[in-house]
Amino acid sequence: MFDLFWKQVTTSVEEGRFAKLTMAKTIGKPNLRNIFVRPIYSDRDFKVSLKLRYRSPETEDQEDEFTLDEAFVILKPHLRKSFSSVLLFTTTKDVTFKINKKGAGSISESLPTFREI
């Protein structure tokens, strides 16, 4: 099911509609509070800024640039382990992927939060 959600992410990038992606709703109380993925559009290629935000002030937030495929490899293991939802923000709609306690995924759509990138 997450692969179907990720297809919407890649389509939004290809169409220039991708605004942001956020992993939220932590499972338990891990030190990792959020993961944010923001677009870096350029003439040559598309990269994302992937930021790991931590609860503890002693742990410094980490931010690096990756390709979309590299970001997928980093994000996927955090699902079900650290986070139960992923929110995709595009200029045409918001898409939420949630995993329930039994491990079943669901996708829902709502009106866009962002009108421009």
N, C-alpha and C. Protein backbone atom coordinates (compact mmCIF):
# COMPACT_ATOMS: atom_id res chain seq x y z
N MET A 1 0.83 -1.20 0.00
CA MET A 1 0.00 0.00 0.00
C MET A 1 0.88 1.27 0.00
N PHE A 2 2.01 1.23 0.73
CA PHE A 2 2.89 2.40 0.75
C PHE A 2 3.45 2.67 -0.64
N ASP A 3 3.65 1.61 -1.43
CA ASP A 3 4.14 1.79 -2.80
C ASP A 3 3.14 2.58 -3.64
N LEU A 4 1.83 2.35 -3.43
CA LEU A 4 0.80 3.12 -4.13
C LEU A 4 0.86 4.60 -3.72
N PHE A 5 1.04 4.82 -2.43
CA PHE A 5 1.19 6.19 -1.93
C PHE A 5 2.42 6.84 -2.56
N TRP A 6 3.53 6.11 -2.60
CA TRP A 6 4.78 6.68 -3.13
C TRP A 6 4.65 6.99 -4.62
N LYS A 7 3.82 6.24 -5.32
CA LYS A 7 3.56 6.53 -6.74
C LYS A 7 2.94 7.92 -6.87
N GLN A 8 2.07 8.30 -5.94
CA GLN A 8 1.49 9.65 -5.97
C GLN A 8 2.57 10.71 -5.69
N VAL A 9 3.52 10.36 -4.85
CA VAL A 9 4.64 11.28 -4.58
C VAL A 9 5.43 11.51 -5.87
N THR A 10 5.81 10.42 -6.53
CA THR A 10 6.63 10.57 -7.75
C THR A 10 5.86 11.29 -8.86
N THR A 11 4.57 11.00 -8.98
CA THR A 11 3.75 11.69 -9.99
C THR A 11 3.68 13.19 -9.69
N SER A 12 3.53 13.55 -8.43
CA SER A 12 3.46 14.98 -8.09
C SER A 12 4.78 15.68 -8.40
N VAL A 13 5.90 14.97 -8.24
CA VAL A 13 7.20 15.54 -8.58
C VAL A 13 7.30 15.73 -10.09
N GLU A 14 6.95 14.68 -10.84
CA GLU A 14 7.01 14.74 -12.30
C GLU A 14 6.16 15.87 -12.87
N GLU A 15 5.02 16.15 -12.23
CA GLU A 15 4.10 17.18 -12.70
C GLU A 15 4.38 18.55 -12.07
N GLY A 16 5.42 18.66 -11.23
CA GLY A 16 5.77 19.93 -10.62
C GLY A 16 4.80 20.40 -9.55
N ARG A 17 4.08 19.46 -8.90
CA ARG A 17 3.08 19.82 -7.89
C ARG A 17 3.53 19.51 -6.46
N PHE A 18 4.66 18.83 -6.30
CA PHE A 18 5.13 18.40 -4.97
C PHE A 18 5.53 19.62 -4.14
N ALA A 19 4.93 19.75 -2.94
CA ALA A 19 5.25 20.87 -2.05
C ALA A 19 6.04 20.42 -0.83
N LYS A 20 5.62 19.30 -0.20
CA LYS A 20 6.28 18.85 1.01
C LYS A 20 5.75 17.46 1.39
N LEU A 21 6.57 16.72 2.13
CA LEU A 21 6.14 15.44 2.67
C LEU A 21 6.57 15.41 4.13
N THR A 22 5.69 14.95 5.00
CA THR A 22 5.98 14.91 6.43
C THR A 22 5.62 13.55 7.00
N MET A 23 6.56 12.97 7.74
CA MET A 23 6.26 11.77 8.52
C MET A 23 5.93 12.25 9.92
N ALA A 24 4.75 11.84 10.41
CA ALA A 24 4.28 12.33 11.71
C ALA A 24 3.62 11.21 12.48
N LYS A 25 3.02 11.56 13.61
CA LYS A 25 2.37 10.62 14.52
C LYS A 25 3.34 9.51 14.91
N THR A 26 4.24 9.87 15.81
CA THR A 26 5.23 8.91 16.27
C THR A 26 4.59 7.77 17.04
N ILE A 27 5.24 6.64 16.98
CA ILE A 27 4.81 5.46 17.73
C ILE A 27 5.66 5.43 19.00
N GLY A 28 5.01 5.52 20.14
CA GLY A 28 5.75 5.61 21.40
C GLY A 28 6.32 7.01 21.57
N LYS A 29 7.44 7.11 22.23
CA LYS A 29 8.11 8.40 22.45
C LYS A 29 9.55 8.36 21.96
N PRO A 30 9.77 8.12 20.66
CA PRO A 30 11.15 8.09 20.17
C PRO A 30 11.75 9.49 20.17
N ASN A 31 13.06 9.56 20.15
CA ASN A 31 13.74 10.85 20.09
C ASN A 31 13.46 11.55 18.76
N LEU A 32 13.30 10.77 17.70
CA LEU A 32 12.99 11.33 16.38
C LEU A 32 11.53 11.78 16.38
N ARG A 33 11.31 13.09 16.18
CA ARG A 33 9.96 13.66 16.27
C ARG A 33 9.26 13.74 14.92
N ASN A 34 9.97 14.17 13.88
CA ASN A 34 9.40 14.30 12.54
C ASN A 34 10.48 14.07 11.50
N ILE A 35 10.03 13.75 10.30
CA ILE A 35 10.90 13.77 9.13
C ILE A 35 10.19 14.63 8.10
N PHE A 36 10.91 15.62 7.58
CA PHE A 36 10.36 16.52 6.56
C PHE A 36 11.12 16.33 5.26
N VAL A 37 10.39 16.29 4.15
CA VAL A 37 10.99 16.21 2.83
C VAL A 37 10.47 17.39 2.03
N ARG A 38 11.40 18.24 1.58
CA ARG A 38 11.01 19.42 0.80
C ARG A 38 11.71 19.39 -0.56
N PRO A 39 11.07 19.93 -1.58
CA PRO A 39 11.65 19.86 -2.92
C PRO A 39 12.78 20.85 -3.13
N ILE A 40 13.72 20.43 -3.95
CA ILE A 40 14.78 21.32 -4.45
C ILE A 40 14.72 21.19 -5.96
N TYR A 41 14.00 22.10 -6.59
CA TYR A 41 13.86 22.06 -8.04
C TYR A 41 15.05 22.78 -8.68
N SER A 42 15.60 22.21 -9.74
CA SER A 42 16.66 22.88 -10.50
C SER A 42 16.46 22.53 -11.96
N ASP A 43 17.23 23.19 -12.83
CA ASP A 43 17.11 22.94 -14.26
C ASP A 43 17.62 21.54 -14.64
N ARG A 44 18.60 21.05 -13.90
CA ARG A 44 19.23 19.78 -14.27
C ARG A 44 18.51 18.56 -13.69
N ASP A 45 18.19 18.61 -12.41
CA ASP A 45 17.61 17.44 -11.79
C ASP A 45 16.75 17.84 -10.59
N PHE A 46 16.12 16.86 -10.01
CA PHE A 46 15.26 17.10 -8.85
C PHE A 46 15.88 16.40 -7.65
N LYS A 47 16.03 17.13 -6.58
CA LYS A 47 16.51 16.57 -5.32
C LYS A 47 15.55 17.01 -4.23
N VAL A 48 15.68 16.36 -3.07
CA VAL A 48 14.88 16.76 -1.93
C VAL A 48 15.79 17.03 -0.75
N SER A 49 15.32 17.92 0.09
CA SER A 49 15.96 18.17 1.36
C SER A 49 15.24 17.30 2.38
N LEU A 50 15.98 16.40 3.01
CA LEU A 50 15.38 15.49 3.99
C LEU A 50 15.90 15.91 5.36
N LYS A 51 14.98 16.31 6.23
CA LYS A 51 15.35 16.80 7.56
C LYS A 51 14.78 15.89 8.64
N LEU A 52 15.66 15.43 9.52
CA LEU A 52 15.26 14.65 10.68
C LEU A 52 15.22 15.60 11.86
N ARG A 53 14.04 15.75 12.46
CA ARG A 53 13.88 16.64 13.62
C ARG A 53 13.73 15.80 14.88
N TYR A 54 14.51 16.15 15.90
CA TYR A 54 14.55 15.38 17.14
C TYR A 54 13.89 16.13 18.29
N ARG A 55 13.38 15.37 19.26
CA ARG A 55 12.77 15.95 20.46
C ARG A 55 13.83 16.54 21.38
N SER A 56 14.85 15.79 21.60
CA SER A 56 15.88 16.17 22.56
C SER A 56 16.70 17.35 22.05
N PRO A 57 16.86 18.41 22.86
CA PRO A 57 17.67 19.54 22.43
C PRO A 57 19.15 19.17 22.30
N GLU A 58 19.55 18.06 22.92
CA GLU A 58 20.94 17.62 22.82
C GLU A 58 21.24 16.98 21.47
N THR A 59 20.20 16.50 20.81
CA THR A 59 20.38 15.87 19.50
C THR A 59 20.12 16.92 18.42
N GLU A 60 21.13 17.18 17.64
CA GLU A 60 21.01 18.19 16.59
C GLU A 60 20.22 17.64 15.40
N ASP A 61 19.31 18.45 14.87
CA ASP A 61 18.56 18.05 13.68
C ASP A 61 19.55 17.79 12.54
N GLN A 62 19.20 16.84 11.67
CA GLN A 62 20.05 16.51 10.53
C GLN A 62 19.32 16.85 9.25
N GLU A 63 20.03 17.44 8.30
CA GLU A 63 19.42 17.79 7.02
C GLU A 63 20.42 17.52 5.90
N ASP A 64 19.97 16.77 4.89
CA ASP A 64 20.81 16.42 3.74
C ASP A 64 19.98 16.43 2.48
N GLU A 65 20.67 16.49 1.33
CA GLU A 65 20.01 16.42 0.03
C GLU A 65 20.12 15.01 -0.53
N PHE A 66 19.00 14.55 -1.12
CA PHE A 66 18.96 13.22 -1.71
C PHE A 66 18.14 13.26 -2.99
N THR A 67 18.28 12.20 -3.80
CA THR A 67 17.34 12.01 -4.90
C THR A 67 16.05 11.47 -4.29
N LEU A 68 15.00 11.47 -5.05
CA LEU A 68 13.72 10.95 -4.54
C LEU A 68 13.83 9.47 -4.22
N ASP A 69 14.54 8.71 -5.05
CA ASP A 69 14.71 7.28 -4.80
C ASP A 69 15.49 7.03 -3.52
N GLU A 70 16.53 7.82 -3.28
CA GLU A 70 17.31 7.69 -2.05
C GLU A 70 16.45 8.02 -0.83
N ALA A 71 15.61 9.04 -0.95
CA ALA A 71 14.72 9.43 0.15
C ALA A 71 13.76 8.30 0.48
N PHE A 72 13.23 7.63 -0.55
CA PHE A 72 12.31 6.50 -0.34
C PHE A 72 12.98 5.42 0.50
N VAL A 73 14.24 5.09 0.18
CA VAL A 73 14.97 4.05 0.90
C VAL A 73 15.16 4.44 2.37
N ILE A 74 15.37 5.72 2.63
CA ILE A 74 15.56 6.21 4.00
C ILE A 74 14.22 6.23 4.76
N LEU A 75 13.16 6.67 4.11
CA LEU A 75 11.86 6.83 4.77
C LEU A 75 11.14 5.51 5.08
N LYS A 76 11.16 4.58 4.15
CA LYS A 76 10.34 3.37 4.28
C LYS A 76 10.57 2.61 5.59
N PRO A 77 11.82 2.42 6.05
CA PRO A 77 12.00 1.69 7.31
C PRO A 77 11.42 2.39 8.55
N HIS A 78 11.22 3.70 8.47
CA HIS A 78 10.67 4.44 9.61
C HIS A 78 9.16 4.23 9.77
N LEU A 79 8.50 3.79 8.70
CA LEU A 79 7.07 3.54 8.74
C LEU A 79 6.82 2.28 9.56
N ARG A 80 5.83 2.34 10.44
CA ARG A 80 5.45 1.25 11.36
C ARG A 80 6.42 1.11 12.52
N LYS A 81 7.68 1.53 12.34
CA LYS A 81 8.65 1.43 13.42
C LYS A 81 8.63 2.72 14.25
N SER A 82 8.69 3.88 13.58
CA SER A 82 8.73 5.16 14.27
C SER A 82 7.49 6.02 14.03
N PHE A 83 6.88 5.88 12.85
CA PHE A 83 5.76 6.75 12.47
C PHE A 83 4.59 5.94 11.94
N SER A 84 3.38 6.44 12.21
CA SER A 84 2.19 5.74 11.71
C SER A 84 1.49 6.50 10.59
N SER A 85 1.99 7.69 10.22
CA SER A 85 1.37 8.40 9.11
C SER A 85 2.40 9.21 8.32
N VAL A 86 2.08 9.36 7.04
CA VAL A 86 2.89 10.16 6.13
C VAL A 86 1.94 11.06 5.38
N LEU A 87 2.25 12.35 5.34
CA LEU A 87 1.40 13.33 4.66
C LEU A 87 2.13 13.90 3.46
N LEU A 88 1.50 13.81 2.31
CA LEU A 88 2.01 14.39 1.07
C LEU A 88 1.22 15.65 0.79
N PHE A 89 1.92 16.76 0.66
CA PHE A 89 1.29 18.03 0.32
C PHE A 89 1.66 18.38 -1.11
N THR A 90 0.64 18.56 -1.95
CA THR A 90 0.86 19.00 -3.33
C THR A 90 0.02 20.25 -3.56
N THR A 91 0.18 20.85 -4.70
CA THR A 91 -0.58 22.07 -4.99
C THR A 91 -2.02 21.77 -5.41
N THR A 92 -2.34 20.47 -5.64
CA THR A 92 -3.70 20.12 -6.06
C THR A 92 -4.47 19.33 -5.01
N LYS A 93 -3.75 18.65 -4.09
CA LYS A 93 -4.42 17.89 -3.04
C LYS A 93 -3.41 17.48 -1.98
N ASP A 94 -3.92 17.15 -0.82
CA ASP A 94 -3.11 16.56 0.24
C ASP A 94 -3.47 15.08 0.30
N VAL A 95 -2.47 14.23 0.46
CA VAL A 95 -2.69 12.79 0.51
C VAL A 95 -2.07 12.27 1.81
N THR A 96 -2.86 11.51 2.57
CA THR A 96 -2.38 10.98 3.84
C THR A 96 -2.35 9.45 3.78
N PHE A 97 -1.22 8.90 4.17
CA PHE A 97 -1.08 7.45 4.29
C PHE A 97 -0.97 7.12 5.76
N LYS A 98 -1.86 6.26 6.25
CA LYS A 98 -1.87 5.88 7.67
C LYS A 98 -1.78 4.38 7.80
N ILE A 99 -1.11 3.96 8.87
CA ILE A 99 -1.06 2.53 9.21
C ILE A 99 -1.73 2.37 10.57
N ASN A 100 -2.68 1.44 10.65
CA ASN A 100 -3.35 1.22 11.93
C ASN A 100 -2.54 0.24 12.79
N LYS A 101 -3.02 -0.04 13.98
CA LYS A 101 -2.29 -0.90 14.92
C LYS A 101 -2.11 -2.33 14.41
N LYS A 102 -2.99 -2.75 13.52
CA LYS A 102 -2.88 -4.10 12.95
C LYS A 102 -1.95 -4.14 11.75
N GLY A 103 -1.45 -2.96 11.34
CA GLY A 103 -0.51 -2.91 10.22
C GLY A 103 -1.15 -2.69 8.87
N ALA A 104 -2.45 -2.45 8.84
CA ALA A 104 -3.14 -2.19 7.57
C ALA A 104 -3.00 -0.72 7.18
N GLY A 105 -2.67 -0.47 5.93
CA GLY A 105 -2.50 0.89 5.44
C GLY A 105 -3.75 1.41 4.77
N SER A 106 -3.92 2.73 4.83
CA SER A 106 -5.03 3.38 4.13
C SER A 106 -4.56 4.71 3.58
N ILE A 107 -5.18 5.13 2.48
CA ILE A 107 -4.83 6.39 1.83
C ILE A 107 -6.09 7.25 1.77
N SER A 108 -5.96 8.52 2.17
CA SER A 108 -7.09 9.45 2.05
C SER A 108 -6.59 10.74 1.41
N GLU A 109 -7.51 11.46 0.80
CA GLU A 109 -7.17 12.71 0.13
C GLU A 109 -8.03 13.84 0.68
N SER A 110 -7.47 15.05 0.66
CA SER A 110 -8.20 16.24 1.09
C SER A 110 -7.76 17.43 0.24
N LEU A 111 -8.41 18.56 0.47
CA LEU A 111 -8.08 19.77 -0.26
C LEU A 111 -6.63 20.19 0.05
N PRO A 112 -5.97 20.85 -0.92
CA PRO A 112 -4.57 21.20 -0.72
C PRO A 112 -4.33 22.25 0.36
N THR A 113 -3.28 22.06 1.12
CA THR A 113 -2.84 23.04 2.11
C THR A 113 -2.05 24.14 1.41
N PHE A 114 -1.25 23.75 0.39
CA PHE A 114 -0.40 24.69 -0.33
C PHE A 114 -0.96 24.93 -1.73
N ARG A 115 -1.02 26.17 -2.14
CA ARG A 115 -1.44 26.51 -3.49
C ARG A 115 -0.23 26.74 -4.40
N GLU A 116 0.88 27.11 -3.79
CA GLU A 116 2.12 27.36 -4.53
C GLU A 116 3.26 26.65 -3.84
N ILE A 117 4.31 26.42 -4.61
CA ILE A 117 5.50 25.75 -4.05
C ILE A 117 6.50 26.81 -3.62
